[in-house]
Amino acid sequence: MFSQAVKAGPFVFVSGTVGIDPSSGRLAGGTIQEQTRQALTNCQAILEAGGASLDDVVEVGILLTNPADFDGLNEEWARWFPSDPPTRYGVKLGVDVPGLLVSIRMTAYTA
């Protein structure tokens, strides 16, 4: 069983979310920018379903298949969080899923 998010008091914890386009069920593209954009879009929808928004995000975990993609990830990240971004950490994704470049998890605080 998998929970996309869990609401605990004023917190919304979003599970690792990838760049799969919900309309097609396929990865949004082959670039880190495309997959990051879709993963953030998916995270945004999950947050909204839990009563939060990107403005409420206080921490983000980025898991990259290839750490060399960090610069490309940052290009898209800057579009979503142009000022006062949440704290963030990045690590290498430990599982090998064909074509998957990024997984993003978030914690939002809504009080």
PDB file of N, CA and C in Angstrom:
ATOM      1  N   MET A   1       0.838  -1.172   0.000  1.00  0.00           N
ATOM      2  CA  MET A   1       0.000   0.000   0.000  1.00  0.00           C
ATOM      3  C   MET A   1       0.887   1.241   0.000  1.00  0.00           C
ATOM      4  N   PHE A   2       0.466   2.297  -0.680  1.00  0.00           N
ATOM      5  CA  PHE A   2       1.262   3.513  -0.839  1.00  0.00           C
ATOM      6  C   PHE A   2       0.400   4.731  -0.559  1.00  0.00           C
ATOM      7  N   SER A   3       0.879   5.617   0.285  1.00  0.00           N
ATOM      8  CA  SER A   3       0.195   6.880   0.545  1.00  0.00           C
ATOM      9  C   SER A   3       0.957   7.988  -0.152  1.00  0.00           C
ATOM     10  N   GLN A   4       0.276   8.748  -1.010  1.00  0.00           N
ATOM     11  CA  GLN A   4       0.931   9.874  -1.667  1.00  0.00           C
ATOM     12  C   GLN A   4       1.306  10.940  -0.660  1.00  0.00           C
ATOM     13  N   ALA A   5       0.500  11.079   0.382  1.00  0.00           N
ATOM     14  CA  ALA A   5       0.774  12.047   1.439  1.00  0.00           C
ATOM     15  C   ALA A   5       0.042  11.630   2.696  1.00  0.00           C
ATOM     16  N   VAL A   6       0.532  12.147   3.813  1.00  0.00           N
ATOM     17  CA  VAL A   6      -0.113  11.949   5.098  1.00  0.00           C
ATOM     18  C   VAL A   6      -0.190  13.314   5.773  1.00  0.00           C
ATOM     19  N   LYS A   7      -1.377  13.635   6.290  1.00  0.00           N
ATOM     20  CA  LYS A   7      -1.564  14.870   7.044  1.00  0.00           C
ATOM     21  C   LYS A   7      -1.505  14.504   8.514  1.00  0.00           C
ATOM     22  N   ALA A   8      -0.624  15.183   9.255  1.00  0.00           N
ATOM     23  CA  ALA A   8      -0.471  14.955  10.693  1.00  0.00           C
ATOM     24  C   ALA A   8      -0.462  16.315  11.373  1.00  0.00           C
ATOM     25  N   GLY A   9      -1.576  16.670  11.979  1.00  0.00           N
ATOM     26  CA  GLY A   9      -1.697  18.003  12.567  1.00  0.00           C
ATOM     27  C   GLY A   9      -1.528  19.050  11.488  1.00  0.00           C
ATOM     28  N   PRO A  10      -0.657  20.021  11.705  1.00  0.00           N
ATOM     29  CA  PRO A  10      -0.460  21.075  10.709  1.00  0.00           C
ATOM     30  C   PRO A  10       0.518  20.690   9.588  1.00  0.00           C
ATOM     31  N   PHE A  11       1.009  19.457   9.603  1.00  0.00           N
ATOM     32  CA  PHE A  11       1.991  19.026   8.607  1.00  0.00           C
ATOM     33  C   PHE A  11       1.347  18.176   7.518  1.00  0.00           C
ATOM     34  N   VAL A  12       1.840  18.331   6.298  1.00  0.00           N
ATOM     35  CA  VAL A  12       1.501  17.444   5.187  1.00  0.00           C
ATOM     36  C   VAL A  12       2.830  16.883   4.684  1.00  0.00           C
ATOM     37  N   PHE A  13       2.982  15.569   4.774  1.00  0.00           N
ATOM     38  CA  PHE A  13       4.182  14.878   4.330  1.00  0.00           C
ATOM     39  C   PHE A  13       3.894  14.216   2.986  1.00  0.00           C
ATOM     40  N   VAL A  14       4.565  14.678   1.945  1.00  0.00           N
ATOM     41  CA  VAL A  14       4.373  14.136   0.593  1.00  0.00           C
ATOM     42  C   VAL A  14       5.448  13.084   0.336  1.00  0.00           C
ATOM     43  N   SER A  15       5.020  11.891  -0.026  1.00  0.00           N
ATOM     44  CA  SER A  15       5.948  10.802  -0.335  1.00  0.00           C
ATOM     45  C   SER A  15       6.771  11.132  -1.577  1.00  0.00           C
ATOM     46  N   GLY A  16       7.816  10.355  -1.802  1.00  0.00           N
ATOM     47  CA  GLY A  16       8.621  10.527  -3.006  1.00  0.00           C
ATOM     48  C   GLY A  16       7.735  10.484  -4.241  1.00  0.00           C
ATOM     49  N   THR A  17       7.789  11.552  -5.016  1.00  0.00           N
ATOM     50  CA  THR A  17       6.904  11.729  -6.165  1.00  0.00           C
ATOM     51  C   THR A  17       7.755  11.905  -7.405  1.00  0.00           C
ATOM     52  N   VAL A  18       7.418  11.188  -8.451  1.00  0.00           N
ATOM     53  CA  VAL A  18       8.209  11.216  -9.681  1.00  0.00           C
ATOM     54  C   VAL A  18       7.473  11.974 -10.775  1.00  0.00           C
ATOM     55  N   GLY A  19       8.152  12.146 -11.906  1.00  0.00           N
ATOM     56  CA  GLY A  19       7.617  12.926 -13.016  1.00  0.00           C
ATOM     57  C   GLY A  19       6.754  12.150 -13.982  1.00  0.00           C
ATOM     58  N   ILE A  20       5.800  11.390 -13.464  1.00  0.00           N
ATOM     59  CA  ILE A  20       4.860  10.666 -14.320  1.00  0.00           C
ATOM     60  C   ILE A  20       3.663  11.562 -14.588  1.00  0.00           C
ATOM     61  N   ASP A  21       3.327  11.707 -15.843  1.00  0.00           N
ATOM     62  CA  ASP A  21       2.157  12.483 -16.247  1.00  0.00           C
ATOM     63  C   ASP A  21       0.918  11.647 -15.947  1.00  0.00           C
ATOM     64  N   PRO A  22       0.031  12.124 -15.040  1.00  0.00           N
ATOM     65  CA  PRO A  22      -1.137  11.325 -14.676  1.00  0.00           C
ATOM     66  C   PRO A  22      -2.070  11.017 -15.850  1.00  0.00           C
ATOM     67  N   SER A  23      -2.084  11.866 -16.871  1.00  0.00           N
ATOM     68  CA  SER A  23      -2.989  11.636 -18.005  1.00  0.00           C
ATOM     69  C   SER A  23      -2.520  10.486 -18.898  1.00  0.00           C
ATOM     70  N   SER A  24      -1.204  10.250 -18.932  1.00  0.00           N
ATOM     71  CA  SER A  24      -0.685   9.185 -19.794  1.00  0.00           C
ATOM     72  C   SER A  24      -0.128   8.001 -19.006  1.00  0.00           C
ATOM     73  N   GLY A  25       0.213   8.231 -17.730  1.00  0.00           N
ATOM     74  CA  GLY A  25       0.834   7.177 -16.935  1.00  0.00           C
ATOM     75  C   GLY A  25       2.281   6.929 -17.288  1.00  0.00           C
ATOM     76  N   ARG A  26       2.880   7.860 -18.053  1.00  0.00           N
ATOM     77  CA  ARG A  26       4.273   7.703 -18.496  1.00  0.00           C
ATOM     78  C   ARG A  26       5.111   8.865 -17.999  1.00  0.00           C
ATOM     79  N   LEU A  27       6.419   8.653 -17.940  1.00  0.00           N
ATOM     80  CA  LEU A  27       7.317   9.738 -17.565  1.00  0.00           C
ATOM     81  C   LEU A  27       7.126  10.911 -18.517  1.00  0.00           C
ATOM     82  N   ALA A  28       7.186  12.117 -17.972  1.00  0.00           N
ATOM     83  CA  ALA A  28       6.890  13.336 -18.730  1.00  0.00           C
ATOM     84  C   ALA A  28       7.905  13.623 -19.825  1.00  0.00           C
ATOM     85  N   GLY A  29       9.061  13.042 -19.768  1.00  0.00           N
ATOM     86  CA  GLY A  29      10.070  13.266 -20.790  1.00  0.00           C
ATOM     87  C   GLY A  29      11.382  12.647 -20.361  1.00  0.00           C
ATOM     88  N   GLY A  30      12.379  12.824 -21.206  1.00  0.00           N
ATOM     89  CA  GLY A  30      13.671  12.218 -20.952  1.00  0.00           C
ATOM     90  C   GLY A  30      14.699  13.134 -20.340  1.00  0.00           C
ATOM     91  N   THR A  31      14.323  14.396 -20.069  1.00  0.00           N
ATOM     92  CA  THR A  31      15.290  15.324 -19.478  1.00  0.00           C
ATOM     93  C   THR A  31      14.981  15.550 -18.004  1.00  0.00           C
ATOM     94  N   ILE A  32      15.998  15.943 -17.265  1.00  0.00           N
ATOM     95  CA  ILE A  32      15.804  16.236 -15.853  1.00  0.00           C
ATOM     96  C   ILE A  32      14.836  17.399 -15.675  1.00  0.00           C
ATOM     97  N   GLN A  33      14.872  18.380 -16.572  1.00  0.00           N
ATOM     98  CA  GLN A  33      13.961  19.522 -16.464  1.00  0.00           C
ATOM     99  C   GLN A  33      12.506  19.077 -16.634  1.00  0.00           C
ATOM    100  N   GLU A  34      12.228  18.247 -17.627  1.00  0.00           N
ATOM    101  CA  GLU A  34      10.858  17.778 -17.867  1.00  0.00           C
ATOM    102  C   GLU A  34      10.335  16.950 -16.693  1.00  0.00           C
ATOM    103  N   GLN A  35      11.167  16.037 -16.203  1.00  0.00           N
ATOM    104  CA  GLN A  35      10.726  15.181 -15.104  1.00  0.00           C
ATOM    105  C   GLN A  35      10.605  15.969 -13.798  1.00  0.00           C
ATOM    106  N   THR A  36      11.494  16.941 -13.581  1.00  0.00           N
ATOM    107  CA  THR A  36      11.390  17.783 -12.389  1.00  0.00           C
ATOM    108  C   THR A  36      10.118  18.613 -12.443  1.00  0.00           C
ATOM    109  N   ARG A  37       9.826  19.205 -13.585  1.00  0.00           N
ATOM    110  CA  ARG A  37       8.616  20.016 -13.753  1.00  0.00           C
ATOM    111  C   ARG A  37       7.371  19.183 -13.444  1.00  0.00           C
ATOM    112  N   GLN A  38       7.305  17.965 -13.978  1.00  0.00           N
ATOM    113  CA  GLN A  38       6.133  17.120 -13.747  1.00  0.00           C
ATOM    114  C   GLN A  38       6.072  16.643 -12.296  1.00  0.00           C
ATOM    115  N   ALA A  39       7.224  16.301 -11.718  1.00  0.00           N
ATOM    116  CA  ALA A  39       7.231  15.875 -10.315  1.00  0.00           C
ATOM    117  C   ALA A  39       6.744  16.998  -9.409  1.00  0.00           C
ATOM    118  N   LEU A  40       7.177  18.235  -9.680  1.00  0.00           N
ATOM    119  CA  LEU A  40       6.727  19.372  -8.878  1.00  0.00           C
ATOM    120  C   LEU A  40       5.238  19.655  -9.110  1.00  0.00           C
ATOM    121  N   THR A  41       4.769  19.492 -10.331  1.00  0.00           N
ATOM    122  CA  THR A  41       3.343  19.639 -10.624  1.00  0.00           C
ATOM    123  C   THR A  41       2.545  18.609  -9.833  1.00  0.00           C
ATOM    124  N   ASN A  42       3.038  17.371  -9.803  1.00  0.00           N
ATOM    125  CA  ASN A  42       2.366  16.307  -9.059  1.00  0.00           C
ATOM    126  C   ASN A  42       2.382  16.600  -7.556  1.00  0.00           C
ATOM    127  N   CYS A  43       3.521  17.069  -7.047  1.00  0.00           N
ATOM    128  CA  CYS A  43       3.618  17.418  -5.628  1.00  0.00           C
ATOM    129  C   CYS A  43       2.628  18.530  -5.285  1.00  0.00           C
ATOM    130  N   GLN A  44       2.524  19.512  -6.156  1.00  0.00           N
ATOM    131  CA  GLN A  44       1.609  20.625  -5.933  1.00  0.00           C
ATOM    132  C   GLN A  44       0.165  20.120  -5.813  1.00  0.00           C
ATOM    133  N   ALA A  45      -0.231  19.225  -6.701  1.00  0.00           N
ATOM    134  CA  ALA A  45      -1.588  18.671  -6.664  1.00  0.00           C
ATOM    135  C   ALA A  45      -1.822  17.865  -5.384  1.00  0.00           C
ATOM    136  N   ILE A  46      -0.839  17.110  -4.965  1.00  0.00           N
ATOM    137  CA  ILE A  46      -0.956  16.322  -3.734  1.00  0.00           C
ATOM    138  C   ILE A  46      -1.073  17.245  -2.527  1.00  0.00           C
ATOM    139  N   LEU A  47      -0.241  18.282  -2.487  1.00  0.00           N
ATOM    140  CA  LEU A  47      -0.320  19.258  -1.392  1.00  0.00           C
ATOM    141  C   LEU A  47      -1.706  19.881  -1.324  1.00  0.00           C
ATOM    142  N   GLU A  48      -2.218  20.318  -2.473  1.00  0.00           N
ATOM    143  CA  GLU A  48      -3.530  20.959  -2.510  1.00  0.00           C
ATOM    144  C   GLU A  48      -4.622  20.015  -2.012  1.00  0.00           C
ATOM    145  N   ALA A  49      -4.524  18.735  -2.354  1.00  0.00           N
ATOM    146  CA  ALA A  49      -5.503  17.757  -1.871  1.00  0.00           C
ATOM    147  C   ALA A  49      -5.433  17.618  -0.349  1.00  0.00           C
ATOM    148  N   GLY A  50      -4.261  17.914   0.230  1.00  0.00           N
ATOM    149  CA  GLY A  50      -4.080  17.838   1.673  1.00  0.00           C
ATOM    150  C   GLY A  50      -4.281  19.167   2.380  1.00  0.00           C
ATOM    151  N   GLY A  51      -4.750  20.181   1.646  1.00  0.00           N
ATOM    152  CA  GLY A  51      -5.010  21.476   2.254  1.00  0.00           C
ATOM    153  C   GLY A  51      -3.802  22.375   2.388  1.00  0.00           C
ATOM    154  N   ALA A  52      -2.776  22.137   1.588  1.00  0.00           N
ATOM    155  CA  ALA A  52      -1.550  22.934   1.638  1.00  0.00           C
ATOM    156  C   ALA A  52      -1.223  23.456   0.244  1.00  0.00           C
ATOM    157  N   SER A  53      -0.160  24.236   0.162  1.00  0.00           N
ATOM    158  CA  SER A  53       0.311  24.746  -1.124  1.00  0.00           C
ATOM    159  C   SER A  53       1.838  24.753  -1.119  1.00  0.00           C
ATOM    160  N   LEU A  54       2.415  25.060  -2.252  1.00  0.00           N
ATOM    161  CA  LEU A  54       3.875  25.155  -2.329  1.00  0.00           C
ATOM    162  C   LEU A  54       4.409  26.225  -1.388  1.00  0.00           C
ATOM    163  N   ASP A  55       3.618  27.261  -1.117  1.00  0.00           N
ATOM    164  CA  ASP A  55       4.041  28.311  -0.188  1.00  0.00           C
ATOM    165  C   ASP A  55       4.198  27.792   1.234  1.00  0.00           C
ATOM    166  N   ASP A  56       3.569  26.659   1.550  1.00  0.00           N
ATOM    167  CA  ASP A  56       3.644  26.070   2.877  1.00  0.00           C
ATOM    168  C   ASP A  56       4.807  25.092   3.037  1.00  0.00           C
ATOM    169  N   VAL A  57       5.502  24.792   1.962  1.00  0.00           N
ATOM    170  CA  VAL A  57       6.572  23.790   1.997  1.00  0.00           C
ATOM    171  C   VAL A  57       7.768  24.335   2.780  1.00  0.00           C
ATOM    172  N   VAL A  58       8.219  23.528   3.747  1.00  0.00           N
ATOM    173  CA  VAL A  58       9.362  23.921   4.574  1.00  0.00           C
ATOM    174  C   VAL A  58      10.604  23.070   4.307  1.00  0.00           C
ATOM    175  N   GLU A  59      10.417  21.879   3.737  1.00  0.00           N
ATOM    176  CA  GLU A  59      11.558  21.017   3.446  1.00  0.00           C
ATOM    177  C   GLU A  59      11.269  20.174   2.214  1.00  0.00           C
ATOM    178  N   VAL A  60      12.301  20.004   1.389  1.00  0.00           N
ATOM    179  CA  VAL A  60      12.192  19.193   0.176  1.00  0.00           C
ATOM    180  C   VAL A  60      13.391  18.261   0.114  1.00  0.00           C
ATOM    181  N   GLY A  61      13.124  17.007  -0.214  1.00  0.00           N
ATOM    182  CA  GLY A  61      14.184  16.037  -0.460  1.00  0.00           C
ATOM    183  C   GLY A  61      14.199  15.694  -1.935  1.00  0.00           C
ATOM    184  N   ILE A  62      15.374  15.799  -2.541  1.00  0.00           N
ATOM    185  CA  ILE A  62      15.552  15.510  -3.966  1.00  0.00           C
ATOM    186  C   ILE A  62      16.399  14.247  -4.088  1.00  0.00           C
ATOM    187  N   LEU A  63      15.880  13.265  -4.799  1.00  0.00           N
ATOM    188  CA  LEU A  63      16.634  12.046  -5.069  1.00  0.00           C
ATOM    189  C   LEU A  63      16.897  11.977  -6.564  1.00  0.00           C
ATOM    190  N   LEU A  64      18.164  11.994  -6.935  1.00  0.00           N
ATOM    191  CA  LEU A  64      18.565  12.000  -8.344  1.00  0.00           C
ATOM    192  C   LEU A  64      19.181  10.663  -8.736  1.00  0.00           C
ATOM    193  N   THR A  65      18.796  10.159  -9.889  1.00  0.00           N
ATOM    194  CA  THR A  65      19.439   8.967 -10.417  1.00  0.00           C
ATOM    195  C   THR A  65      20.897   9.273 -10.749  1.00  0.00           C
ATOM    196  N   ASN A  66      21.131  10.437 -11.349  1.00  0.00           N
ATOM    197  CA  ASN A  66      22.475  10.847 -11.744  1.00  0.00           C
ATOM    198  C   ASN A  66      22.775  12.203 -11.107  1.00  0.00           C
ATOM    199  N   PRO A  67      23.665  12.248 -10.106  1.00  0.00           N
ATOM    200  CA  PRO A  67      23.978  13.515  -9.458  1.00  0.00           C
ATOM    201  C   PRO A  67      24.457  14.607 -10.427  1.00  0.00           C
ATOM    202  N   ALA A  68      24.936  14.230 -11.592  1.00  0.00           N
ATOM    203  CA  ALA A  68      25.363  15.214 -12.585  1.00  0.00           C
ATOM    204  C   ALA A  68      24.186  16.020 -13.127  1.00  0.00           C
ATOM    205  N   ASP A  69      22.953  15.557 -12.888  1.00  0.00           N
ATOM    206  CA  ASP A  69      21.749  16.271 -13.329  1.00  0.00           C
ATOM    207  C   ASP A  69      21.371  17.426 -12.402  1.00  0.00           C
ATOM    208  N   PHE A  70      22.149  17.660 -11.354  1.00  0.00           N
ATOM    209  CA  PHE A  70      21.788  18.664 -10.355  1.00  0.00           C
ATOM    210  C   PHE A  70      21.620  20.061 -10.956  1.00  0.00           C
ATOM    211  N   ASP A  71      22.489  20.456 -11.884  1.00  0.00           N
ATOM    212  CA  ASP A  71      22.367  21.781 -12.499  1.00  0.00           C
ATOM    213  C   ASP A  71      21.061  21.914 -13.274  1.00  0.00           C
ATOM    214  N   GLY A  72      20.677  20.883 -14.018  1.00  0.00           N
ATOM    215  CA  GLY A  72      19.425  20.915 -14.762  1.00  0.00           C
ATOM    216  C   GLY A  72      18.222  20.954 -13.834  1.00  0.00           C
ATOM    217  N   LEU A  73      18.302  20.224 -12.734  1.00  0.00           N
ATOM    218  CA  LEU A  73      17.245  20.265 -11.731  1.00  0.00           C
ATOM    219  C   LEU A  73      17.116  21.681 -11.181  1.00  0.00           C
ATOM    220  N   ASN A  74      18.233  22.317 -10.890  1.00  0.00           N
ATOM    221  CA  ASN A  74      18.212  23.677 -10.346  1.00  0.00           C
ATOM    222  C   ASN A  74      17.576  24.677 -11.306  1.00  0.00           C
ATOM    223  N   GLU A  75      17.730  24.471 -12.605  1.00  0.00           N
ATOM    224  CA  GLU A  75      17.090  25.358 -13.591  1.00  0.00           C
ATOM    225  C   GLU A  75      15.582  25.360 -13.394  1.00  0.00           C
ATOM    226  N   GLU A  76      14.998  24.189 -13.284  1.00  0.00           N
ATOM    227  CA  GLU A  76      13.548  24.094 -13.107  1.00  0.00           C
ATOM    228  C   GLU A  76      13.145  24.521 -11.703  1.00  0.00           C
ATOM    229  N   TRP A  77      13.925  24.167 -10.704  1.00  0.00           N
ATOM    230  CA  TRP A  77      13.646  24.526  -9.314  1.00  0.00           C
ATOM    231  C   TRP A  77      13.490  26.042  -9.172  1.00  0.00           C
ATOM    232  N   ALA A  78      14.357  26.798  -9.819  1.00  0.00           N
ATOM    233  CA  ALA A  78      14.332  28.262  -9.718  1.00  0.00           C
ATOM    234  C   ALA A  78      13.036  28.847 -10.276  1.00  0.00           C
ATOM    235  N   ARG A  79      12.406  28.176 -11.208  1.00  0.00           N
ATOM    236  CA  ARG A  79      11.118  28.652 -11.743  1.00  0.00           C
ATOM    237  C   ARG A  79       9.993  28.465 -10.722  1.00  0.00           C
ATOM    238  N   TRP A  80      10.081  27.432  -9.922  1.00  0.00           N
ATOM    239  CA  TRP A  80       9.034  27.102  -8.947  1.00  0.00           C
ATOM    240  C   TRP A  80       9.231  27.821  -7.623  1.00  0.00           C
ATOM    241  N   PHE A  81      10.487  28.062  -7.268  1.00  0.00           N
ATOM    242  CA  PHE A  81      10.813  28.719  -6.004  1.00  0.00           C
ATOM    243  C   PHE A  81      11.786  29.872  -6.285  1.00  0.00           C
ATOM    244  N   PRO A  82      11.291  30.969  -6.910  1.00  0.00           N
ATOM    245  CA  PRO A  82      12.187  32.062  -7.304  1.00  0.00           C
ATOM    246  C   PRO A  82      12.753  32.859  -6.131  1.00  0.00           C
ATOM    247  N   SER A  83      12.053  32.863  -4.992  1.00  0.00           N
ATOM    248  CA  SER A  83      12.569  33.553  -3.810  1.00  0.00           C
ATOM    249  C   SER A  83      12.110  32.811  -2.568  1.00  0.00           C
ATOM    250  N   ASP A  84      12.862  32.939  -1.503  1.00  0.00           N
ATOM    251  CA  ASP A  84      12.554  32.278  -0.231  1.00  0.00           C
ATOM    252  C   ASP A  84      12.216  30.800  -0.395  1.00  0.00           C
ATOM    253  N   PRO A  85      13.105  30.018  -1.026  1.00  0.00           N
ATOM    254  CA  PRO A  85      12.811  28.594  -1.208  1.00  0.00           C
ATOM    255  C   PRO A  85      12.868  27.843   0.117  1.00  0.00           C
ATOM    256  N   PRO A  86      12.204  26.689   0.175  1.00  0.00           N
ATOM    257  CA  PRO A  86      12.280  25.859   1.379  1.00  0.00           C
ATOM    258  C   PRO A  86      13.673  25.240   1.512  1.00  0.00           C
ATOM    259  N   THR A  87      13.965  24.697   2.688  1.00  0.00           N
ATOM    260  CA  THR A  87      15.215  23.965   2.841  1.00  0.00           C
ATOM    261  C   THR A  87      15.170  22.758   1.905  1.00  0.00           C
ATOM    262  N   ARG A  88      16.359  22.278   1.561  1.00  0.00           N
ATOM    263  CA  ARG A  88      16.410  21.205   0.565  1.00  0.00           C
ATOM    264  C   ARG A  88      17.649  20.360   0.795  1.00  0.00           C
ATOM    265  N   TYR A  89      17.511  19.084   0.524  1.00  0.00           N
ATOM    266  CA  TYR A  89      18.679  18.211   0.502  1.00  0.00           C
ATOM    267  C   TYR A  89      18.590  17.351  -0.740  1.00  0.00           C
ATOM    268  N   GLY A  90      19.721  16.852  -1.179  1.00  0.00           N
ATOM    269  CA  GLY A  90      19.761  15.987  -2.355  1.00  0.00           C
ATOM    270  C   GLY A  90      20.628  14.779  -2.095  1.00  0.00           C
ATOM    271  N   VAL A  91      20.182  13.638  -2.596  1.00  0.00           N
ATOM    272  CA  VAL A  91      20.932  12.394  -2.478  1.00  0.00           C
ATOM    273  C   VAL A  91      20.777  11.598  -3.772  1.00  0.00           C
ATOM    274  N   LYS A  92      21.617  10.604  -3.912  1.00  0.00           N
ATOM    275  CA  LYS A  92      21.526   9.728  -5.079  1.00  0.00           C
ATOM    276  C   LYS A  92      20.404   8.714  -4.857  1.00  0.00           C
ATOM    277  N   LEU A  93      19.542   8.579  -5.843  1.00  0.00           N
ATOM    278  CA  LEU A  93      18.449   7.614  -5.795  1.00  0.00           C
ATOM    279  C   LEU A  93      19.032   6.206  -5.777  1.00  0.00           C
ATOM    280  N   GLY A  94      18.599   5.402  -4.817  1.00  0.00           N
ATOM    281  CA  GLY A  94      19.186   4.080  -4.626  1.00  0.00           C
ATOM    282  C   GLY A  94      18.594   2.968  -5.461  1.00  0.00           C
ATOM    283  N   VAL A  95      17.447   3.202  -6.093  1.00  0.00           N
ATOM    284  CA  VAL A  95      16.844   2.160  -6.920  1.00  0.00           C
ATOM    285  C   VAL A  95      17.026   2.499  -8.388  1.00  0.00           C
ATOM    286  N   ASP A  96      17.093   1.492  -9.205  1.00  0.00           N
ATOM    287  CA  ASP A  96      17.265   1.698 -10.642  1.00  0.00           C
ATOM    288  C   ASP A  96      15.941   1.414 -11.344  1.00  0.00           C
ATOM    289  N   VAL A  97      15.275   2.483 -11.767  1.00  0.00           N
ATOM    290  CA  VAL A  97      14.029   2.370 -12.513  1.00  0.00           C
ATOM    291  C   VAL A  97      14.308   2.929 -13.907  1.00  0.00           C
ATOM    292  N   PRO A  98      14.154   2.154 -14.955  1.00  0.00           N
ATOM    293  CA  PRO A  98      14.491   2.615 -16.297  1.00  0.00           C
ATOM    294  C   PRO A  98      13.823   3.949 -16.647  1.00  0.00           C
ATOM    295  N   GLY A  99      14.648   4.917 -17.029  1.00  0.00           N
ATOM    296  CA  GLY A  99      14.165   6.220 -17.469  1.00  0.00           C
ATOM    297  C   GLY A  99      13.907   7.220 -16.363  1.00  0.00           C
ATOM    298  N   LEU A 100      13.810   6.768 -15.107  1.00  0.00           N
ATOM    299  CA  LEU A 100      13.508   7.661 -13.994  1.00  0.00           C
ATOM    300  C   LEU A 100      14.746   8.467 -13.606  1.00  0.00           C
ATOM    301  N   LEU A 101      14.597   9.804 -13.562  1.00  0.00           N
ATOM    302  CA  LEU A 101      15.714  10.682 -13.255  1.00  0.00           C
ATOM    303  C   LEU A 101      15.621  11.342 -11.888  1.00  0.00           C
ATOM    304  N   VAL A 102      14.401  11.528 -11.356  1.00  0.00           N
ATOM    305  CA  VAL A 102      14.253  12.285 -10.116  1.00  0.00           C
ATOM    306  C   VAL A 102      13.015  11.832  -9.334  1.00  0.00           C
ATOM    307  N   SER A 103      13.129  11.902  -8.027  1.00  0.00           N
ATOM    308  CA  SER A 103      12.006  11.696  -7.116  1.00  0.00           C
ATOM    309  C   SER A 103      12.079  12.828  -6.093  1.00  0.00           C
ATOM    310  N   ILE A 104      10.919  13.420  -5.795  1.00  0.00           N
ATOM    311  CA  ILE A 104      10.881  14.578  -4.896  1.00  0.00           C
ATOM    312  C   ILE A 104       9.899  14.296  -3.771  1.00  0.00           C
ATOM    313  N   ARG A 105      10.317  14.569  -2.536  1.00  0.00           N
ATOM    314  CA  ARG A 105       9.437  14.463  -1.367  1.00  0.00           C
ATOM    315  C   ARG A 105       9.400  15.831  -0.690  1.00  0.00           C
ATOM    316  N   MET A 106       8.290  16.134  -0.027  1.00  0.00           N
ATOM    317  CA  MET A 106       8.116  17.447   0.588  1.00  0.00           C
ATOM    318  C   MET A 106       7.448  17.337   1.941  1.00  0.00           C
ATOM    319  N   THR A 107       7.710  18.337   2.768  1.00  0.00           N
ATOM    320  CA  THR A 107       6.984  18.515   4.018  1.00  0.00           C
ATOM    321  C   THR A 107       6.454  19.938   4.026  1.00  0.00           C
ATOM    322  N   ALA A 108       5.152  20.075   4.271  1.00  0.00           N
ATOM    323  CA  ALA A 108       4.510  21.391   4.341  1.00  0.00           C
ATOM    324  C   ALA A 108       3.982  21.600   5.757  1.00  0.00           C
ATOM    325  N   TYR A 109       3.981  22.851   6.182  1.00  0.00           N
ATOM    326  CA  TYR A 109       3.461  23.232   7.495  1.00  0.00           C
ATOM    327  C   TYR A 109       2.336  24.235   7.265  1.00  0.00           C
ATOM    328  N   THR A 110       1.129  23.920   7.738  1.00  0.00           N
ATOM    329  CA  THR A 110      -0.041  24.713   7.376  1.00  0.00           C
ATOM    330  C   THR A 110      -0.657  25.515   8.521  1.00  0.00           C
ATOM    331  N   ALA A 111      -0.030  25.544   9.689  1.00  0.00           N
ATOM    332  CA  ALA A 111      -0.641  26.272  10.825  1.00  0.00           C
ATOM    333  C   ALA A 111      -0.516  27.769  10.670  1.00  0.00           C
TER     334      ALA A 111
END
